[in-house]
PDB file of all heavy atoms in Angstrom:
ATOM      1  N   GLY A   1     110.025  97.458 102.285  1.00  0.00           N
ATOM      2  CA  GLY A   1     109.299  98.593 102.396  1.00  0.00           C
ATOM      3  C   GLY A   1     109.344  99.533 101.099  1.00  0.00           C
ATOM      4  O   GLY A   1     108.414 100.008 100.644  1.00  0.00           O
ATOM      5  N   ALA A   2     110.603  99.640 100.560  1.00  0.00           N
ATOM      6  CA  ALA A   2     110.734 100.514  99.360  1.00  0.00           C
ATOM      7  C   ALA A   2     110.043  99.816  98.209  1.00  0.00           C
ATOM      8  O   ALA A   2     109.455 100.556  97.455  1.00  0.00           O
ATOM      9  CB  ALA A   2     112.282 100.604  99.064  1.00  0.00           C
ATOM     10  N   GLU A   3     110.229  98.502  98.096  1.00  0.00           N
ATOM     11  CA  GLU A   3     109.494  97.775  96.963  1.00  0.00           C
ATOM     12  C   GLU A   3     108.026  97.930  97.078  1.00  0.00           C
ATOM     13  O   GLU A   3     107.302  98.197  96.073  1.00  0.00           O
ATOM     14  CB  GLU A   3     109.908  96.416  96.974  1.00  0.00           C
ATOM     15  CG  GLU A   3     109.319  95.569  95.742  1.00  0.00           C
ATOM     16  CD  GLU A   3     109.726  94.117  95.718  1.00  0.00           C
ATOM     17  OE1 GLU A   3     110.953  93.928  96.062  1.00  0.00           O
ATOM     18  OE2 GLU A   3     108.924  93.341  95.278  1.00  0.00           O
ATOM     19  N   LEU A   4     107.390  97.895  98.203  1.00  0.00           N
ATOM     20  CA  LEU A   4     105.946  97.961  98.408  1.00  0.00           C
ATOM     21  C   LEU A   4     105.602  99.411  98.178  1.00  0.00           C
ATOM     22  O   LEU A   4     104.508  99.599  97.444  1.00  0.00           O
ATOM     23  CB  LEU A   4     105.549  97.519  99.795  1.00  0.00           C
ATOM     24  CG  LEU A   4     105.820  96.102 100.074  1.00  0.00           C
ATOM     25  CD1 LEU A   4     105.414  95.710 101.572  1.00  0.00           C
ATOM     26  CD2 LEU A   4     104.936  95.122  99.202  1.00  0.00           C
ATOM     27  N   SER A   5     106.251 100.308  98.627  1.00  0.00           N
ATOM     28  CA  SER A   5     106.026 101.819  98.369  1.00  0.00           C
ATOM     29  C   SER A   5     106.111 102.103  96.876  1.00  0.00           C
ATOM     30  O   SER A   5     105.190 102.912  96.299  1.00  0.00           O
ATOM     31  CB  SER A   5     106.984 102.731  99.086  1.00  0.00           C
ATOM     32  OG  SER A   5     106.779 102.643 100.420  1.00  0.00           O
ATOM     33  N   ALA A   6     107.105 101.581  96.199  1.00  0.00           N
ATOM     34  CA  ALA A   6     107.278 101.857  94.777  1.00  0.00           C
ATOM     35  C   ALA A   6     106.147 101.206  93.879  1.00  0.00           C
ATOM     36  O   ALA A   6     105.928 101.623  92.747  1.00  0.00           O
ATOM     37  CB  ALA A   6     108.625 101.378  94.356  1.00  0.00           C
ATOM     38  N   SER A   7     105.401 100.228  94.552  1.00  0.00           N
ATOM     39  CA  SER A   7     104.463  99.577  93.675  1.00  0.00           C
ATOM     40  C   SER A   7     103.252 100.474  93.333  1.00  0.00           C
ATOM     41  O   SER A   7     102.460 100.239  92.458  1.00  0.00           O
ATOM     42  CB  SER A   7     103.890  98.322  94.412  1.00  0.00           C
ATOM     43  OG  SER A   7     103.154  98.636  95.445  1.00  0.00           O
ATOM     44  N   SER A   8     103.099 101.558  94.149  1.00  0.00           N
ATOM     45  CA  SER A   8     102.130 102.538  94.117  1.00  0.00           C
ATOM     46  C   SER A   8     100.669 101.945  93.952  1.00  0.00           C
ATOM     47  O   SER A   8      99.812 102.338  93.265  1.00  0.00           O
ATOM     48  CB  SER A   8     102.279 103.469  92.847  1.00  0.00           C
ATOM     49  OG  SER A   8     102.149 102.834  91.694  1.00  0.00           O
ATOM     50  N   LYS A   9     100.563 100.871  94.758  1.00  0.00           N
ATOM     51  CA  LYS A   9      99.220 100.231  94.658  1.00  0.00           C
ATOM     52  C   LYS A   9      98.646 100.406  96.054  1.00  0.00           C
ATOM     53  O   LYS A   9      99.296 100.688  96.958  1.00  0.00           O
ATOM     54  CB  LYS A   9      99.496  98.672  94.456  1.00  0.00           C
ATOM     55  CG  LYS A   9     100.312  98.353  93.193  1.00  0.00           C
ATOM     56  CD  LYS A   9      99.410  97.544  92.307  1.00  0.00           C
ATOM     57  CE  LYS A   9     100.263  97.115  91.169  1.00  0.00           C
ATOM     58  NZ  LYS A   9     100.056  97.652  89.911  1.00  0.00           N
ATOM     59  N   SER A  10      97.418 100.018  96.156  1.00  0.00           N
ATOM     60  CA  SER A  10      96.621 100.278  97.441  1.00  0.00           C
ATOM     61  C   SER A  10      96.811  98.978  98.274  1.00  0.00           C
ATOM     62  O   SER A  10      96.132  98.110  98.043  1.00  0.00           O
ATOM     63  CB  SER A  10      95.233 100.545  97.168  1.00  0.00           C
ATOM     64  OG  SER A  10      94.555 100.619  98.372  1.00  0.00           O
ATOM     65  N   LEU A  11      97.782  99.038  99.162  1.00  0.00           N
ATOM     66  CA  LEU A  11      98.039  97.898 100.024  1.00  0.00           C
ATOM     67  C   LEU A  11      97.574  98.190 101.381  1.00  0.00           C
ATOM     68  O   LEU A  11      97.704  99.332 102.003  1.00  0.00           O
ATOM     69  CB  LEU A  11      99.539  97.505 100.064  1.00  0.00           C
ATOM     70  CG  LEU A  11     100.141  97.042  98.767  1.00  0.00           C
ATOM     71  CD1 LEU A  11     101.728  97.196  98.831  1.00  0.00           C
ATOM     72  CD2 LEU A  11      99.707  95.610  98.493  1.00  0.00           C
ATOM     73  N   LYS A  12      96.977  97.141 102.040  1.00  0.00           N
ATOM     74  CA  LYS A  12      96.550  97.235 103.410  1.00  0.00           C
ATOM     75  C   LYS A  12      97.171  96.034 104.303  1.00  0.00           C
ATOM     76  O   LYS A  12      97.188  94.920 103.735  1.00  0.00           O
ATOM     77  CB  LYS A  12      95.005  97.095 103.490  1.00  0.00           C
ATOM     78  CG  LYS A  12      94.325  98.332 102.921  1.00  0.00           C
ATOM     79  CD  LYS A  12      92.845  98.268 103.129  1.00  0.00           C
ATOM     80  CE  LYS A  12      92.210  99.469 102.471  1.00  0.00           C
ATOM     81  NZ  LYS A  12      90.673  99.365 102.681  1.00  0.00           N
ATOM     82  N   TRP A  13      97.350  96.415 105.605  1.00  0.00           N
ATOM     83  CA  TRP A  13      97.804  95.345 106.467  1.00  0.00           C
ATOM     84  C   TRP A  13      96.887  95.314 107.620  1.00  0.00           C
ATOM     85  O   TRP A  13      96.719  96.319 108.283  1.00  0.00           O
ATOM     86  CB  TRP A  13      99.236  95.665 106.950  1.00  0.00           C
ATOM     87  CG  TRP A  13      99.743  94.676 108.081  1.00  0.00           C
ATOM     88  CD1 TRP A  13      99.596  93.424 108.138  1.00  0.00           C
ATOM     89  CD2 TRP A  13     100.477  95.071 109.224  1.00  0.00           C
ATOM     90  NE1 TRP A  13     100.199  92.974 109.311  1.00  0.00           N
ATOM     91  CE2 TRP A  13     100.750  94.020 109.994  1.00  0.00           C
ATOM     92  CE3 TRP A  13     100.893  96.479 109.584  1.00  0.00           C
ATOM     93  CZ2 TRP A  13     101.379  93.960 111.181  1.00  0.00           C
ATOM     94  CZ3 TRP A  13     101.606  96.441 110.823  1.00  0.00           C
ATOM     95  CH2 TRP A  13     101.780  95.260 111.621  1.00  0.00           C
ATOM     96  N   ASP A  14      96.229  94.277 107.908  1.00  0.00           N
ATOM     97  CA  ASP A  14      95.264  94.069 109.050  1.00  0.00           C
ATOM     98  C   ASP A  14      94.171  95.119 108.879  1.00  0.00           C
ATOM     99  O   ASP A  14      93.696  95.798 109.861  1.00  0.00           O
ATOM    100  CB  ASP A  14      95.980  94.269 110.367  1.00  0.00           C
ATOM    101  CG  ASP A  14      95.191  93.709 111.505  1.00  0.00           C
ATOM    102  OD1 ASP A  14      94.457  92.740 111.360  1.00  0.00           O
ATOM    103  OD2 ASP A  14      95.362  94.276 112.642  1.00  0.00           O
ATOM    104  N   GLY A  15      93.710  95.453 107.663  1.00  0.00           N
ATOM    105  CA  GLY A  15      92.632  96.287 107.491  1.00  0.00           C
ATOM    106  C   GLY A  15      93.096  97.848 107.373  1.00  0.00           C
ATOM    107  O   GLY A  15      92.208  98.708 107.069  1.00  0.00           O
ATOM    108  N   GLU A  16      94.302  98.191 107.651  1.00  0.00           N
ATOM    109  CA  GLU A  16      94.710  99.545 107.655  1.00  0.00           C
ATOM    110  C   GLU A  16      95.516  99.833 106.423  1.00  0.00           C
ATOM    111  O   GLU A  16      96.275  99.023 105.973  1.00  0.00           O
ATOM    112  CB  GLU A  16      95.569  99.765 108.923  1.00  0.00           C
ATOM    113  CG  GLU A  16      94.774  99.622 110.229  1.00  0.00           C
ATOM    114  CD  GLU A  16      93.756 100.650 110.321  1.00  0.00           C
ATOM    115  OE1 GLU A  16      93.709 101.767 109.945  1.00  0.00           O
ATOM    116  OE2 GLU A  16      92.603 100.171 110.876  1.00  0.00           O
ATOM    117  N   PRO A  17      95.534 101.024 105.935  1.00  0.00           N
ATOM    118  CA  PRO A  17      96.263 101.488 104.762  1.00  0.00           C
ATOM    119  C   PRO A  17      97.719 101.665 105.050  1.00  0.00           C
ATOM    120  O   PRO A  17      98.351 102.766 105.111  1.00  0.00           O
ATOM    121  CB  PRO A  17      95.650 102.817 104.313  1.00  0.00           C
ATOM    122  CG  PRO A  17      95.113 103.352 105.555  1.00  0.00           C
ATOM    123  CD  PRO A  17      94.657 102.140 106.372  1.00  0.00           C
ATOM    124  N   SER A  18      98.381 100.564 105.384  1.00  0.00           N
ATOM    125  CA  SER A  18      99.838 100.523 105.704  1.00  0.00           C
ATOM    126  C   SER A  18     100.372  99.104 105.418  1.00  0.00           C
ATOM    127  O   SER A  18      99.643  98.167 105.367  1.00  0.00           O
ATOM    128  CB  SER A  18     100.116 100.860 107.228  1.00  0.00           C
ATOM    129  OG  SER A  18     101.321 100.537 107.715  1.00  0.00           O
ATOM    130  N   THR A  19     101.655  99.081 105.266  1.00  0.00           N
ATOM    131  CA  THR A  19     102.327  97.647 105.063  1.00  0.00           C
ATOM    132  C   THR A  19     102.986  97.220 106.344  1.00  0.00           C
ATOM    133  O   THR A  19     103.250  96.050 106.507  1.00  0.00           O
ATOM    134  CB  THR A  19     103.325  97.791 103.904  1.00  0.00           C
ATOM    135  OG1 THR A  19     104.398  98.533 104.267  1.00  0.00           O
ATOM    136  CG2 THR A  19     102.738  98.162 102.587  1.00  0.00           C
ATOM    137  N   GLY A  20     103.353  98.194 107.171  1.00  0.00           N
ATOM    138  CA  GLY A  20     104.058  97.868 108.470  1.00  0.00           C
ATOM    139  C   GLY A  20     105.485  97.700 108.310  1.00  0.00           C
ATOM    140  O   GLY A  20     106.258  97.403 109.051  1.00  0.00           O
ATOM    141  N   PHE A  21     105.936  97.999 107.069  1.00  0.00           N
ATOM    142  CA  PHE A  21     107.450  97.958 106.752  1.00  0.00           C
ATOM    143  C   PHE A  21     108.039  99.344 106.772  1.00  0.00           C
ATOM    144  O   PHE A  21     107.287 100.277 106.308  1.00  0.00           O
ATOM    145  CB  PHE A  21     107.640  97.248 105.473  1.00  0.00           C
ATOM    146  CG  PHE A  21     107.426  95.832 105.463  1.00  0.00           C
ATOM    147  CD1 PHE A  21     106.208  95.227 105.124  1.00  0.00           C
ATOM    148  CD2 PHE A  21     108.478  94.936 105.969  1.00  0.00           C
ATOM    149  CE1 PHE A  21     106.042  93.829 105.252  1.00  0.00           C
ATOM    150  CE2 PHE A  21     108.224  93.555 106.019  1.00  0.00           C
ATOM    151  CZ  PHE A  21     107.114  93.067 105.635  1.00  0.00           C
ATOM    152  N   PRO A  22     109.218  99.533 107.122  1.00  0.00           N
ATOM    153  CA  PRO A  22     109.805 100.962 107.002  1.00  0.00           C
ATOM    154  C   PRO A  22     109.885 101.439 105.640  1.00  0.00           C
ATOM    155  O   PRO A  22     110.206 100.740 104.711  1.00  0.00           O
ATOM    156  CB  PRO A  22     111.208 100.641 107.699  1.00  0.00           C
ATOM    157  CG  PRO A  22     111.453  99.308 107.474  1.00  0.00           C
ATOM    158  CD  PRO A  22     110.208  98.560 107.510  1.00  0.00           C
ATOM    159  N   ALA A  23     109.670 102.718 105.499  1.00  0.00           N
ATOM    160  CA  ALA A  23     109.717 103.362 104.184  1.00  0.00           C
ATOM    161  C   ALA A  23     111.115 103.694 103.748  1.00  0.00           C
ATOM    162  O   ALA A  23     111.443 103.876 102.653  1.00  0.00           O
ATOM    163  CB  ALA A  23     108.823 104.633 104.183  1.00  0.00           C
ATOM    164  N   SER A  24     112.099 103.845 104.731  1.00  0.00           N
ATOM    165  CA  SER A  24     113.437 104.126 104.404  1.00  0.00           C
ATOM    166  C   SER A  24     114.332 103.739 105.658  1.00  0.00           C
ATOM    167  O   SER A  24     113.728 103.389 106.634  1.00  0.00           O
ATOM    168  CB  SER A  24     113.682 105.554 104.250  1.00  0.00           C
ATOM    169  OG  SER A  24     113.633 106.376 105.436  1.00  0.00           O
ATOM    170  N   ILE A  25     115.645 103.791 105.445  1.00  0.00           N
ATOM    171  CA  ILE A  25     116.525 103.425 106.489  1.00  0.00           C
ATOM    172  C   ILE A  25     116.342 104.460 107.654  1.00  0.00           C
ATOM    173  O   ILE A  25     116.756 104.062 108.793  1.00  0.00           O
ATOM    174  CB  ILE A  25     118.066 103.493 105.996  1.00  0.00           C
ATOM    175  CG1 ILE A  25     118.964 102.739 107.017  1.00  0.00           C
ATOM    176  CG2 ILE A  25     118.442 104.864 105.765  1.00  0.00           C
ATOM    177  CD1 ILE A  25     118.778 101.213 107.046  1.00  0.00           C
ATOM    178  N   HIS A  26     115.758 105.528 107.553  1.00  0.00           N
ATOM    179  CA  HIS A  26     115.569 106.510 108.583  1.00  0.00           C
ATOM    180  C   HIS A  26     114.159 106.325 109.212  1.00  0.00           C
ATOM    181  O   HIS A  26     113.910 107.271 110.010  1.00  0.00           O
ATOM    182  CB  HIS A  26     115.877 107.995 108.027  1.00  0.00           C
ATOM    183  CG  HIS A  26     117.229 108.134 107.489  1.00  0.00           C
ATOM    184  ND1 HIS A  26     118.279 108.092 108.225  1.00  0.00           N
ATOM    185  CD2 HIS A  26     117.549 108.177 106.201  1.00  0.00           C
ATOM    186  CE1 HIS A  26     119.344 108.262 107.350  1.00  0.00           C
ATOM    187  NE2 HIS A  26     118.842 108.329 106.132  1.00  0.00           N
ATOM    188  N   ASP A  27     113.489 105.367 108.928  1.00  0.00           N
ATOM    189  CA  ASP A  27     112.189 105.114 109.520  1.00  0.00           C
ATOM    190  C   ASP A  27     112.234 104.847 111.019  1.00  0.00           C
ATOM    191  O   ASP A  27     113.138 104.157 111.460  1.00  0.00           O
ATOM    192  CB  ASP A  27     111.492 103.934 108.778  1.00  0.00           C
ATOM    193  CG  ASP A  27     110.045 103.804 109.076  1.00  0.00           C
ATOM    194  OD1 ASP A  27     109.752 103.281 110.148  1.00  0.00           O
ATOM    195  OD2 ASP A  27     109.282 104.213 108.303  1.00  0.00           O
ATOM    196  N   PRO A  28     111.324 105.335 111.828  1.00  0.00           N
ATOM    197  CA  PRO A  28     111.267 105.096 113.207  1.00  0.00           C
ATOM    198  C   PRO A  28     111.324 103.632 113.693  1.00  0.00           C
ATOM    199  O   PRO A  28     111.789 103.339 114.728  1.00  0.00           O
ATOM    200  CB  PRO A  28     110.044 105.832 113.801  1.00  0.00           C
ATOM    201  CG  PRO A  28     109.683 106.817 112.628  1.00  0.00           C
ATOM    202  CD  PRO A  28     110.240 106.225 111.415  1.00  0.00           C
ATOM    203  N   VAL A  29     110.975 102.690 112.836  1.00  0.00           N
ATOM    204  CA  VAL A  29     110.922 101.422 113.106  1.00  0.00           C
ATOM    205  C   VAL A  29     112.326 100.864 113.370  1.00  0.00           C
ATOM    206  O   VAL A  29     112.667 100.047 114.186  1.00  0.00           O
ATOM    207  CB  VAL A  29     110.304 100.534 111.900  1.00  0.00           C
ATOM    208  CG1 VAL A  29     110.539  99.100 112.066  1.00  0.00           C
ATOM    209  CG2 VAL A  29     108.852 100.836 111.742  1.00  0.00           C
TER     210      VAL A  29
END
């Protein structure tokens, strides 16, 4: 999640603007 967030690129998962990975250890996931 951190690597994908740091890429600062426009990533989508299943058509939505999200990767589905937690952004940090404190993520609700």
